[in-house]
N, C-alpha and C. Protein backbone atom coordinates (compact mmCIF):
# COMPACT_ATOMS: atom_id res chain seq x y z
N UNK A 1 144.49 128.27 104.65
CA UNK A 1 144.83 127.19 105.54
C UNK A 1 143.58 126.34 105.77
N UNK A 2 143.71 125.05 105.66
CA UNK A 2 142.58 124.16 105.85
C UNK A 2 142.44 123.80 107.32
N UNK A 3 141.20 123.59 107.72
CA UNK A 3 140.92 123.23 109.12
C UNK A 3 141.17 121.74 109.30
N UNK A 4 141.95 121.41 110.31
CA UNK A 4 142.23 120.00 110.59
C UNK A 4 141.11 119.41 111.43
N UNK A 5 140.78 118.20 111.11
CA UNK A 5 139.75 117.51 111.88
C UNK A 5 140.36 117.11 113.22
N UNK A 6 139.66 117.35 114.34
CA UNK A 6 140.22 117.01 115.64
C UNK A 6 140.36 115.51 115.79
N UNK A 7 141.42 115.12 116.50
CA UNK A 7 141.63 113.69 116.76
C UNK A 7 140.64 113.28 117.83
N UNK A 8 139.84 112.29 117.52
CA UNK A 8 138.79 111.87 118.44
C UNK A 8 138.84 110.36 118.58
N UNK A 9 139.99 109.86 118.99
CA UNK A 9 140.17 108.43 119.08
C UNK A 9 140.10 107.96 120.53
N UNK A 10 139.20 107.06 120.84
CA UNK A 10 139.13 106.54 122.21
C UNK A 10 140.40 105.80 122.60
N UNK A 11 141.08 105.17 121.64
CA UNK A 11 142.30 104.46 121.96
C UNK A 11 143.40 105.44 122.35
N UNK A 12 143.49 106.56 121.64
CA UNK A 12 144.46 107.59 121.99
C UNK A 12 144.19 108.13 123.38
N UNK A 13 142.92 108.31 123.71
CA UNK A 13 142.55 108.76 125.05
C UNK A 13 142.98 107.74 126.10
N UNK A 14 142.83 106.46 125.78
CA UNK A 14 143.25 105.40 126.70
C UNK A 14 144.74 105.42 126.94
N UNK A 15 145.51 105.60 125.87
CA UNK A 15 146.97 105.66 126.01
C UNK A 15 147.38 106.90 126.79
N UNK A 16 146.71 107.99 126.58
CA UNK A 16 147.02 109.22 127.31
C UNK A 16 146.78 109.02 128.81
N UNK A 17 145.66 108.43 129.16
CA UNK A 17 145.36 108.17 130.56
C UNK A 17 146.38 107.20 131.15
N UNK A 18 146.70 106.16 130.40
CA UNK A 18 147.66 105.16 130.88
C UNK A 18 149.04 105.76 131.09
N UNK A 19 149.47 106.60 130.18
CA UNK A 19 150.80 107.23 130.30
C UNK A 19 150.82 108.15 131.52
N UNK A 20 149.77 108.93 131.68
CA UNK A 20 149.70 109.82 132.84
C UNK A 20 149.73 109.04 134.13
N UNK A 21 148.98 107.94 134.20
CA UNK A 21 148.96 107.13 135.41
C UNK A 21 150.32 106.48 135.66
N UNK A 22 151.02 106.08 134.60
CA UNK A 22 152.35 105.48 134.77
C UNK A 22 153.35 106.49 135.32
N UNK A 23 153.28 107.74 134.82
CA UNK A 23 154.18 108.78 135.32
C UNK A 23 153.90 109.04 136.80
N UNK A 24 152.62 109.11 137.17
CA UNK A 24 152.26 109.31 138.58
C UNK A 24 152.75 108.12 139.41
N UNK A 25 152.60 106.90 138.88
CA UNK A 25 153.04 105.71 139.60
C UNK A 25 154.54 105.74 139.85
N UNK A 26 155.33 106.15 138.83
CA UNK A 26 156.78 106.25 139.02
C UNK A 26 157.10 107.25 140.13
N UNK A 27 156.44 108.40 140.07
CA UNK A 27 156.71 109.44 141.08
C UNK A 27 156.35 108.98 142.47
N UNK A 28 155.16 108.40 142.65
CA UNK A 28 154.73 107.92 143.96
C UNK A 28 155.64 106.81 144.45
N UNK A 29 156.03 105.91 143.54
CA UNK A 29 156.89 104.78 143.94
C UNK A 29 158.24 105.28 144.42
N UNK A 30 158.83 106.26 143.74
CA UNK A 30 160.13 106.79 144.17
C UNK A 30 160.03 107.44 145.54
N UNK A 31 158.92 108.13 145.79
CA UNK A 31 158.77 108.81 147.08
C UNK A 31 158.51 107.80 148.19
N UNK A 32 157.61 106.86 147.97
CA UNK A 32 157.22 105.91 149.01
C UNK A 32 158.27 104.84 149.22
N UNK A 33 158.72 104.21 148.15
CA UNK A 33 159.61 103.06 148.27
C UNK A 33 161.07 103.51 148.32
N UNK A 34 161.40 104.51 147.61
CA UNK A 34 162.78 104.98 147.58
C UNK A 34 163.46 104.57 146.30
N UNK A 35 164.63 105.13 146.07
CA UNK A 35 165.36 104.89 144.84
C UNK A 35 165.94 103.48 144.78
N UNK A 36 166.10 102.80 145.88
CA UNK A 36 166.75 101.50 145.89
C UNK A 36 165.84 100.37 145.44
N UNK A 37 164.56 100.54 145.37
CA UNK A 37 163.64 99.45 145.03
C UNK A 37 163.12 99.63 143.61
N UNK A 38 164.01 99.56 142.64
CA UNK A 38 163.63 99.78 141.25
C UNK A 38 162.69 98.69 140.71
N UNK A 39 162.79 97.47 141.18
CA UNK A 39 161.90 96.40 140.73
C UNK A 39 160.47 96.67 141.13
N UNK A 40 160.28 97.15 142.34
CA UNK A 40 158.93 97.48 142.81
C UNK A 40 158.35 98.64 142.01
N UNK A 41 159.19 99.58 141.66
CA UNK A 41 158.76 100.72 140.87
C UNK A 41 158.29 100.25 139.49
N UNK A 42 159.01 99.36 138.89
CA UNK A 42 158.65 98.85 137.56
C UNK A 42 157.32 98.10 137.62
N UNK A 43 157.14 97.26 138.65
CA UNK A 43 155.90 96.50 138.78
C UNK A 43 154.72 97.46 138.98
N UNK A 44 154.88 98.46 139.84
CA UNK A 44 153.81 99.43 140.08
C UNK A 44 153.49 100.20 138.80
N UNK A 45 154.52 100.58 138.06
CA UNK A 45 154.31 101.33 136.82
C UNK A 45 153.55 100.49 135.80
N UNK A 46 153.90 99.23 135.67
CA UNK A 46 153.22 98.35 134.71
C UNK A 46 151.76 98.16 135.12
N UNK A 47 151.53 97.96 136.43
CA UNK A 47 150.15 97.81 136.89
C UNK A 47 149.33 99.05 136.59
N UNK A 48 149.88 100.22 136.86
CA UNK A 48 149.17 101.46 136.59
C UNK A 48 148.95 101.63 135.08
N UNK A 49 149.88 101.22 134.28
CA UNK A 49 149.76 101.31 132.82
C UNK A 49 148.59 100.44 132.33
N UNK A 50 148.52 99.22 132.87
CA UNK A 50 147.43 98.30 132.48
C UNK A 50 146.08 98.86 132.94
N UNK A 51 146.00 99.35 134.17
CA UNK A 51 144.75 99.92 134.68
C UNK A 51 144.34 101.12 133.83
N UNK A 52 145.29 101.96 133.47
CA UNK A 52 144.99 103.13 132.64
C UNK A 52 144.47 102.73 131.28
N UNK A 53 145.07 101.71 130.70
CA UNK A 53 144.59 101.24 129.39
C UNK A 53 143.18 100.68 129.49
N UNK A 54 142.92 99.90 130.53
CA UNK A 54 141.59 99.32 130.68
C UNK A 54 140.55 100.42 130.87
N UNK A 55 140.86 101.41 131.68
CA UNK A 55 139.93 102.51 131.89
C UNK A 55 139.75 103.37 130.64
N UNK A 56 140.80 103.46 129.84
CA UNK A 56 140.74 104.33 128.67
C UNK A 56 140.20 103.69 127.41
N UNK A 57 140.09 102.36 127.40
CA UNK A 57 139.58 101.70 126.19
C UNK A 57 138.11 102.04 125.99
N UNK A 58 137.70 102.16 124.73
CA UNK A 58 136.30 102.50 124.48
C UNK A 58 135.40 101.34 124.88
N UNK A 59 134.18 101.68 125.31
CA UNK A 59 133.20 100.67 125.65
C UNK A 59 132.62 100.11 124.35
N UNK A 60 132.43 98.82 124.29
CA UNK A 60 131.93 98.18 123.06
C UNK A 60 130.45 98.42 122.84
N UNK A 61 129.71 98.74 123.88
CA UNK A 61 128.27 98.93 123.70
C UNK A 61 127.92 100.35 123.24
N UNK A 62 128.92 101.23 123.14
CA UNK A 62 128.68 102.58 122.66
C UNK A 62 129.32 102.78 121.30
N UNK A 63 128.68 103.48 120.39
CA UNK A 63 129.30 103.75 119.09
C UNK A 63 130.44 104.75 119.28
N UNK A 64 131.47 104.68 118.44
CA UNK A 64 132.56 105.64 118.56
C UNK A 64 132.07 107.04 118.23
N UNK A 65 132.62 108.04 118.91
CA UNK A 65 132.18 109.40 118.63
C UNK A 65 132.54 109.82 117.22
N UNK A 66 131.68 110.63 116.61
CA UNK A 66 131.89 111.11 115.25
C UNK A 66 131.88 112.63 115.31
N UNK A 67 132.92 113.23 114.72
CA UNK A 67 132.95 114.69 114.73
C UNK A 67 132.03 115.24 113.65
N UNK A 68 131.62 116.48 113.84
CA UNK A 68 130.73 117.13 112.88
C UNK A 68 131.37 117.28 111.52
N UNK A 69 132.69 117.49 111.49
CA UNK A 69 133.39 117.69 110.22
C UNK A 69 133.36 116.42 109.38
N UNK A 70 133.53 115.25 110.04
CA UNK A 70 133.55 114.01 109.26
C UNK A 70 132.16 113.67 108.74
N UNK A 71 131.11 114.03 109.48
CA UNK A 71 129.75 113.78 109.01
C UNK A 71 129.44 114.66 107.82
N UNK A 72 129.89 115.92 107.87
CA UNK A 72 129.62 116.85 106.77
C UNK A 72 130.36 116.44 105.51
N UNK A 73 131.53 115.82 105.65
CA UNK A 73 132.33 115.43 104.48
C UNK A 73 131.81 114.16 103.81
N UNK A 74 130.98 113.40 104.50
CA UNK A 74 130.49 112.14 103.97
C UNK A 74 129.50 112.39 102.84
N UNK A 75 129.69 111.73 101.73
CA UNK A 75 128.77 111.89 100.60
C UNK A 75 127.68 110.82 100.68
N UNK A 76 126.56 111.03 99.98
CA UNK A 76 125.50 110.01 99.99
C UNK A 76 125.98 108.68 99.45
N UNK A 77 126.96 108.69 98.57
CA UNK A 77 127.46 107.45 98.00
C UNK A 77 128.20 106.63 99.05
N UNK A 78 128.73 107.30 100.11
CA UNK A 78 129.48 106.59 101.13
C UNK A 78 128.56 105.96 102.17
N UNK A 79 127.30 106.33 102.16
CA UNK A 79 126.37 105.79 103.13
C UNK A 79 126.21 104.30 102.91
N UNK A 80 126.11 103.57 103.98
CA UNK A 80 125.96 102.13 103.89
C UNK A 80 124.51 101.80 103.59
N UNK A 81 124.25 101.11 102.48
CA UNK A 81 122.85 100.79 102.17
C UNK A 81 122.33 99.72 103.12
N UNK A 82 121.07 99.83 103.47
CA UNK A 82 120.42 98.85 104.31
C UNK A 82 119.68 97.89 103.40
N UNK A 83 120.01 96.62 103.51
CA UNK A 83 119.36 95.63 102.66
C UNK A 83 118.68 94.59 103.53
N UNK A 84 117.63 94.04 103.02
CA UNK A 84 116.93 92.97 103.73
C UNK A 84 117.73 91.69 103.59
N UNK A 85 117.70 90.84 104.60
CA UNK A 85 118.42 89.58 104.49
C UNK A 85 117.82 88.71 103.40
N UNK A 86 118.69 87.99 102.73
CA UNK A 86 118.23 87.11 101.66
C UNK A 86 117.45 85.95 102.25
N UNK A 87 116.38 85.51 101.59
CA UNK A 87 115.63 84.38 102.13
C UNK A 87 116.46 83.12 102.06
N UNK A 88 116.32 82.27 103.07
CA UNK A 88 117.09 81.03 103.06
C UNK A 88 116.43 80.06 102.10
N UNK A 89 117.20 79.05 101.75
CA UNK A 89 116.70 78.06 100.78
C UNK A 89 115.56 77.23 101.38
N UNK A 90 115.56 77.08 102.72
CA UNK A 90 114.53 76.25 103.34
C UNK A 90 113.28 77.03 103.68
N UNK A 91 113.40 78.36 103.84
CA UNK A 91 112.23 79.16 104.20
C UNK A 91 111.40 79.47 102.97
N UNK A 92 110.08 79.40 103.08
CA UNK A 92 109.24 79.73 101.92
C UNK A 92 109.31 81.22 101.63
N UNK A 93 109.27 81.55 100.36
CA UNK A 93 109.33 82.96 99.96
C UNK A 93 108.04 83.64 100.35
N UNK A 94 108.17 84.86 100.88
CA UNK A 94 106.99 85.62 101.26
C UNK A 94 106.70 86.63 100.17
N UNK A 95 105.44 86.79 99.87
CA UNK A 95 105.04 87.78 98.87
C UNK A 95 105.11 89.16 99.50
N UNK A 96 105.49 90.12 98.69
CA UNK A 96 105.55 91.49 99.19
C UNK A 96 104.14 92.04 99.33
N UNK A 97 104.04 93.17 100.02
CA UNK A 97 102.73 93.79 100.22
C UNK A 97 102.11 94.16 98.88
N UNK A 98 102.94 94.61 97.94
CA UNK A 98 102.42 95.00 96.63
C UNK A 98 101.89 93.80 95.85
N UNK A 99 102.50 92.61 96.09
CA UNK A 99 102.06 91.42 95.37
C UNK A 99 100.84 90.77 96.00
N UNK A 100 100.57 91.08 97.28
CA UNK A 100 99.48 90.42 97.99
C UNK A 100 98.14 90.92 97.48
N UNK A 101 97.15 90.06 97.43
CA UNK A 101 95.83 90.51 97.03
C UNK A 101 95.27 91.44 98.09
N UNK A 102 94.32 92.26 97.70
CA UNK A 102 93.74 93.25 98.60
C UNK A 102 93.09 92.60 99.81
N UNK A 103 92.68 91.35 99.70
CA UNK A 103 91.98 90.69 100.78
C UNK A 103 92.91 90.07 101.81
N UNK A 104 94.25 90.14 101.63
CA UNK A 104 95.16 89.45 102.52
C UNK A 104 95.09 89.97 103.94
N UNK A 105 94.78 91.23 104.15
CA UNK A 105 94.73 91.79 105.49
C UNK A 105 93.36 91.56 106.13
N UNK A 106 92.41 91.07 105.38
CA UNK A 106 91.06 90.90 105.89
C UNK A 106 90.87 89.49 106.41
N UNK A 107 89.87 89.39 107.26
CA UNK A 107 89.52 88.07 107.77
C UNK A 107 88.63 87.36 106.76
N UNK A 108 88.59 86.05 106.87
CA UNK A 108 87.70 85.29 106.00
C UNK A 108 88.27 85.02 104.63
N UNK A 109 87.40 84.57 103.75
CA UNK A 109 87.76 84.20 102.39
C UNK A 109 86.87 84.96 101.42
N UNK A 110 87.47 85.48 100.39
CA UNK A 110 86.70 86.22 99.40
C UNK A 110 85.81 85.26 98.61
N UNK A 111 84.52 85.60 98.47
CA UNK A 111 83.65 84.76 97.64
C UNK A 111 84.11 84.83 96.18
N UNK A 112 83.88 83.75 95.45
CA UNK A 112 84.27 83.71 94.05
C UNK A 112 83.51 84.78 93.27
N UNK A 113 84.23 85.72 92.67
CA UNK A 113 83.54 86.77 91.91
C UNK A 113 83.21 86.31 90.50
N UNK A 114 82.23 86.95 89.91
CA UNK A 114 81.91 86.73 88.50
C UNK A 114 82.46 87.92 87.71
N UNK A 115 82.89 87.70 86.46
CA UNK A 115 83.38 88.82 85.67
C UNK A 115 82.27 89.80 85.28
N UNK A 116 81.06 89.33 85.31
CA UNK A 116 79.91 90.17 84.97
C UNK A 116 78.64 89.38 85.26
N UNK A 117 77.50 90.03 85.18
CA UNK A 117 76.25 89.31 85.47
C UNK A 117 75.97 88.26 84.40
N UNK A 118 75.40 87.15 84.83
CA UNK A 118 75.02 86.10 83.88
C UNK A 118 73.88 86.60 83.00
N UNK A 119 73.97 86.31 81.72
CA UNK A 119 72.93 86.71 80.78
C UNK A 119 72.79 88.22 80.68
N UNK A 120 73.84 88.94 81.02
CA UNK A 120 73.86 90.41 80.97
C UNK A 120 72.76 91.05 81.81
N UNK A 121 72.24 90.33 82.80
CA UNK A 121 71.20 90.89 83.66
C UNK A 121 71.47 90.47 85.10
N UNK A 122 71.79 91.44 85.94
CA UNK A 122 72.02 91.17 87.35
C UNK A 122 70.70 91.12 88.09
N UNK A 123 70.66 90.36 89.18
CA UNK A 123 69.47 90.37 90.04
C UNK A 123 69.38 91.72 90.73
N UNK A 124 68.20 92.10 91.12
CA UNK A 124 68.00 93.36 91.85
C UNK A 124 68.37 93.11 93.31
N UNK A 125 69.65 93.30 93.63
CA UNK A 125 70.14 93.02 94.98
C UNK A 125 69.51 93.94 96.03
N UNK A 126 68.89 95.02 95.60
CA UNK A 126 68.24 95.93 96.54
C UNK A 126 66.98 95.33 97.15
N UNK A 127 66.54 94.18 96.64
CA UNK A 127 65.40 93.47 97.24
C UNK A 127 65.80 92.88 98.60
N UNK A 128 67.11 92.74 98.81
CA UNK A 128 67.60 92.24 100.10
C UNK A 128 67.61 93.42 101.06
N UNK A 129 66.93 93.25 102.21
CA UNK A 129 66.87 94.30 103.21
C UNK A 129 68.29 94.67 103.65
N UNK A 130 68.60 95.95 103.61
CA UNK A 130 69.92 96.43 104.01
C UNK A 130 70.82 96.75 102.83
N UNK A 131 70.42 96.36 101.62
CA UNK A 131 71.21 96.69 100.44
C UNK A 131 70.50 97.81 99.69
N UNK A 132 71.18 98.95 99.63
CA UNK A 132 70.67 100.09 98.88
C UNK A 132 71.50 100.26 97.62
N UNK A 133 71.32 101.37 96.91
CA UNK A 133 72.06 101.60 95.66
C UNK A 133 73.59 101.59 95.85
N UNK A 134 74.06 102.20 96.93
CA UNK A 134 75.51 102.26 97.15
C UNK A 134 76.08 100.87 97.41
N UNK A 135 75.42 100.08 98.24
CA UNK A 135 75.90 98.73 98.53
C UNK A 135 75.80 97.83 97.30
N UNK A 136 74.75 98.00 96.53
CA UNK A 136 74.62 97.20 95.32
C UNK A 136 75.79 97.50 94.37
N UNK A 137 76.15 98.76 94.25
CA UNK A 137 77.29 99.13 93.40
C UNK A 137 78.58 98.50 93.93
N UNK A 138 78.79 98.56 95.26
CA UNK A 138 79.98 97.95 95.86
C UNK A 138 80.02 96.44 95.59
N UNK A 139 78.89 95.79 95.74
CA UNK A 139 78.85 94.35 95.49
C UNK A 139 79.14 94.04 94.03
N UNK A 140 78.60 94.83 93.11
CA UNK A 140 78.90 94.62 91.69
C UNK A 140 80.41 94.80 91.43
N UNK A 141 81.02 95.79 92.09
CA UNK A 141 82.47 96.00 91.92
C UNK A 141 83.26 94.79 92.42
N UNK A 142 82.69 94.06 93.36
CA UNK A 142 83.36 92.87 93.90
C UNK A 142 82.95 91.59 93.16
N UNK A 143 82.18 91.72 92.09
CA UNK A 143 81.79 90.56 91.28
C UNK A 143 80.58 89.81 91.81
N UNK A 144 79.77 90.44 92.64
CA UNK A 144 78.56 89.82 93.19
C UNK A 144 77.36 90.44 92.48
N UNK A 145 76.62 89.61 91.71
CA UNK A 145 75.50 90.11 90.91
C UNK A 145 74.19 89.38 91.17
N UNK A 146 74.25 88.19 91.78
CA UNK A 146 73.06 87.33 91.82
C UNK A 146 72.78 86.84 93.24
N UNK A 147 71.47 86.56 93.48
CA UNK A 147 71.03 86.06 94.77
C UNK A 147 71.71 84.73 95.11
N UNK A 148 71.84 83.85 94.10
CA UNK A 148 72.41 82.54 94.38
C UNK A 148 73.89 82.63 94.81
N UNK A 149 74.59 83.66 94.36
CA UNK A 149 75.97 83.86 94.82
C UNK A 149 75.97 84.14 96.32
N UNK A 150 75.12 85.07 96.75
CA UNK A 150 75.05 85.44 98.17
C UNK A 150 74.52 84.26 98.99
N UNK A 151 73.55 83.53 98.45
CA UNK A 151 72.96 82.40 99.17
C UNK A 151 73.99 81.30 99.44
N UNK A 152 75.02 81.22 98.62
CA UNK A 152 76.03 80.16 98.76
C UNK A 152 77.22 80.56 99.65
N UNK A 153 77.21 81.77 100.19
CA UNK A 153 78.35 82.21 101.01
C UNK A 153 78.51 81.35 102.25
N UNK A 154 79.76 81.03 102.55
CA UNK A 154 80.10 80.32 103.79
C UNK A 154 80.33 81.35 104.89
N UNK A 155 80.54 80.89 106.12
CA UNK A 155 80.81 81.80 107.24
C UNK A 155 82.07 82.62 106.97
N UNK A 156 83.10 81.99 106.39
CA UNK A 156 84.35 82.69 106.09
C UNK A 156 84.12 83.77 105.02
N UNK A 157 83.27 83.47 104.05
CA UNK A 157 82.97 84.45 103.00
C UNK A 157 82.13 85.60 103.55
N UNK A 158 81.21 85.31 104.43
CA UNK A 158 80.42 86.38 105.07
C UNK A 158 81.35 87.29 105.87
N UNK A 159 82.30 86.69 106.59
CA UNK A 159 83.26 87.48 107.36
C UNK A 159 84.06 88.40 106.45
N UNK A 160 84.48 87.89 105.29
CA UNK A 160 85.25 88.71 104.35
C UNK A 160 84.38 89.86 103.83
N UNK A 161 83.14 89.57 103.45
CA UNK A 161 82.25 90.61 102.94
C UNK A 161 82.00 91.66 104.02
N UNK A 162 81.71 91.22 105.24
CA UNK A 162 81.49 92.16 106.35
C UNK A 162 82.69 93.08 106.54
N UNK A 163 83.87 92.56 106.38
CA UNK A 163 85.09 93.34 106.58
C UNK A 163 85.41 94.24 105.38
N UNK A 164 85.07 93.79 104.18
CA UNK A 164 85.52 94.50 102.98
C UNK A 164 84.60 95.63 102.51
N UNK A 165 83.40 95.68 103.03
CA UNK A 165 82.46 96.72 102.58
C UNK A 165 82.75 98.01 103.34
N UNK A 166 83.63 98.82 102.80
CA UNK A 166 84.05 100.06 103.42
C UNK A 166 82.85 100.97 103.66
N UNK A 167 82.67 101.36 104.91
CA UNK A 167 81.54 102.21 105.28
C UNK A 167 80.29 101.41 105.64
N UNK A 168 80.30 100.10 105.36
CA UNK A 168 79.13 99.27 105.64
C UNK A 168 79.54 97.98 106.35
N UNK A 169 80.59 98.04 107.15
CA UNK A 169 81.12 96.83 107.79
C UNK A 169 80.06 96.17 108.66
N UNK A 170 79.98 94.85 108.54
CA UNK A 170 79.06 94.06 109.37
C UNK A 170 77.63 93.97 108.86
N UNK A 171 77.33 94.61 107.75
CA UNK A 171 75.93 94.65 107.27
C UNK A 171 75.44 93.29 106.80
N UNK A 172 76.30 92.50 106.18
CA UNK A 172 75.85 91.20 105.67
C UNK A 172 75.36 90.32 106.80
N UNK A 173 76.04 90.35 107.93
CA UNK A 173 75.63 89.54 109.08
C UNK A 173 74.42 90.16 109.77
N UNK A 174 74.48 91.46 110.05
CA UNK A 174 73.38 92.13 110.78
C UNK A 174 72.04 92.01 110.07
N UNK A 175 72.07 92.13 108.73
CA UNK A 175 70.81 92.11 107.98
C UNK A 175 70.48 90.74 107.39
N UNK A 176 71.23 89.72 107.75
CA UNK A 176 70.97 88.33 107.31
C UNK A 176 70.81 88.22 105.80
N UNK A 177 71.82 88.74 105.07
CA UNK A 177 71.76 88.72 103.61
C UNK A 177 71.66 87.31 103.05
N UNK A 178 72.39 86.36 103.62
CA UNK A 178 72.42 85.00 103.07
C UNK A 178 71.03 84.37 103.16
N UNK A 179 70.39 84.50 104.31
CA UNK A 179 69.05 83.92 104.48
C UNK A 179 68.05 84.56 103.52
N UNK A 180 68.14 85.89 103.37
CA UNK A 180 67.24 86.58 102.44
C UNK A 180 67.52 86.16 101.01
N UNK A 181 68.82 86.02 100.66
CA UNK A 181 69.18 85.64 99.28
C UNK A 181 68.70 84.24 98.96
N UNK A 182 68.72 83.33 99.94
CA UNK A 182 68.23 81.97 99.71
C UNK A 182 66.74 81.99 99.37
N UNK A 183 65.99 82.80 100.09
CA UNK A 183 64.55 82.90 99.83
C UNK A 183 64.32 83.51 98.45
N UNK A 184 65.06 84.58 98.13
CA UNK A 184 64.89 85.25 96.83
C UNK A 184 65.33 84.35 95.68
N UNK A 185 66.43 83.58 95.86
CA UNK A 185 66.91 82.68 94.81
C UNK A 185 65.88 81.59 94.53
N UNK A 186 65.11 81.22 95.55
CA UNK A 186 64.07 80.19 95.38
C UNK A 186 62.75 80.79 94.90
N UNK A 187 62.74 82.11 94.68
CA UNK A 187 61.54 82.77 94.18
C UNK A 187 60.59 83.21 95.27
N UNK A 188 61.01 83.18 96.54
CA UNK A 188 60.13 83.55 97.64
C UNK A 188 60.22 85.03 98.00
N UNK A 189 59.52 85.39 99.06
CA UNK A 189 59.46 86.77 99.52
C UNK A 189 60.42 86.94 100.71
N UNK A 190 61.38 87.86 100.61
CA UNK A 190 62.36 88.00 101.70
C UNK A 190 61.75 88.53 102.99
N UNK A 191 60.54 89.05 102.96
CA UNK A 191 59.88 89.56 104.17
C UNK A 191 59.61 88.44 105.17
N UNK A 192 59.58 87.20 104.67
CA UNK A 192 59.32 86.06 105.56
C UNK A 192 60.56 85.67 106.37
N UNK A 193 61.74 86.22 106.02
CA UNK A 193 62.98 85.89 106.71
C UNK A 193 63.06 86.67 108.00
N UNK A 194 63.34 85.98 109.08
CA UNK A 194 63.53 86.66 110.37
C UNK A 194 64.99 86.57 110.76
N UNK A 195 65.60 87.74 111.21
CA UNK A 195 66.97 87.90 111.71
C UNK A 195 67.79 86.77 111.44
């Protein structure tokens, strides 16, 4: 014998309440008004029926109850897929996170990188106070090889570099890399640069 799923309908509950209230209304009306006032009995019964239906109807702000048996019987194929709304024709298309460049979450603007050092020889960036071997490697990975590249950075590019140097955030500003690079690019001594 198979197990029947219990009836769990809010509408059926509403009708049950309404019918019960109508029966009570008929009984009370016969006792109070008497058998001779059948019109009053009918009006009272209809009013009680309407009140019972209103009280028994499901609330719209609550989801309908779901029995455990119906949830267990649902297959993954029956699940409603959640999809993102299609972009409108007037709204500009947004790039996905995967399509966005790595710098999109950072402040500032990325300085123009070089594919490699000019003339196959990079400047010794460690001459800039605050740049050691690890930072020099990070800068090379970002396409920065020469003093003149650093000397040409704008405020927005400095902000990007400060933000992008994982483990060394803020070093370009704190150690005045741009000022030192300008001196070094001109052939001077970076020791003359003050903060």
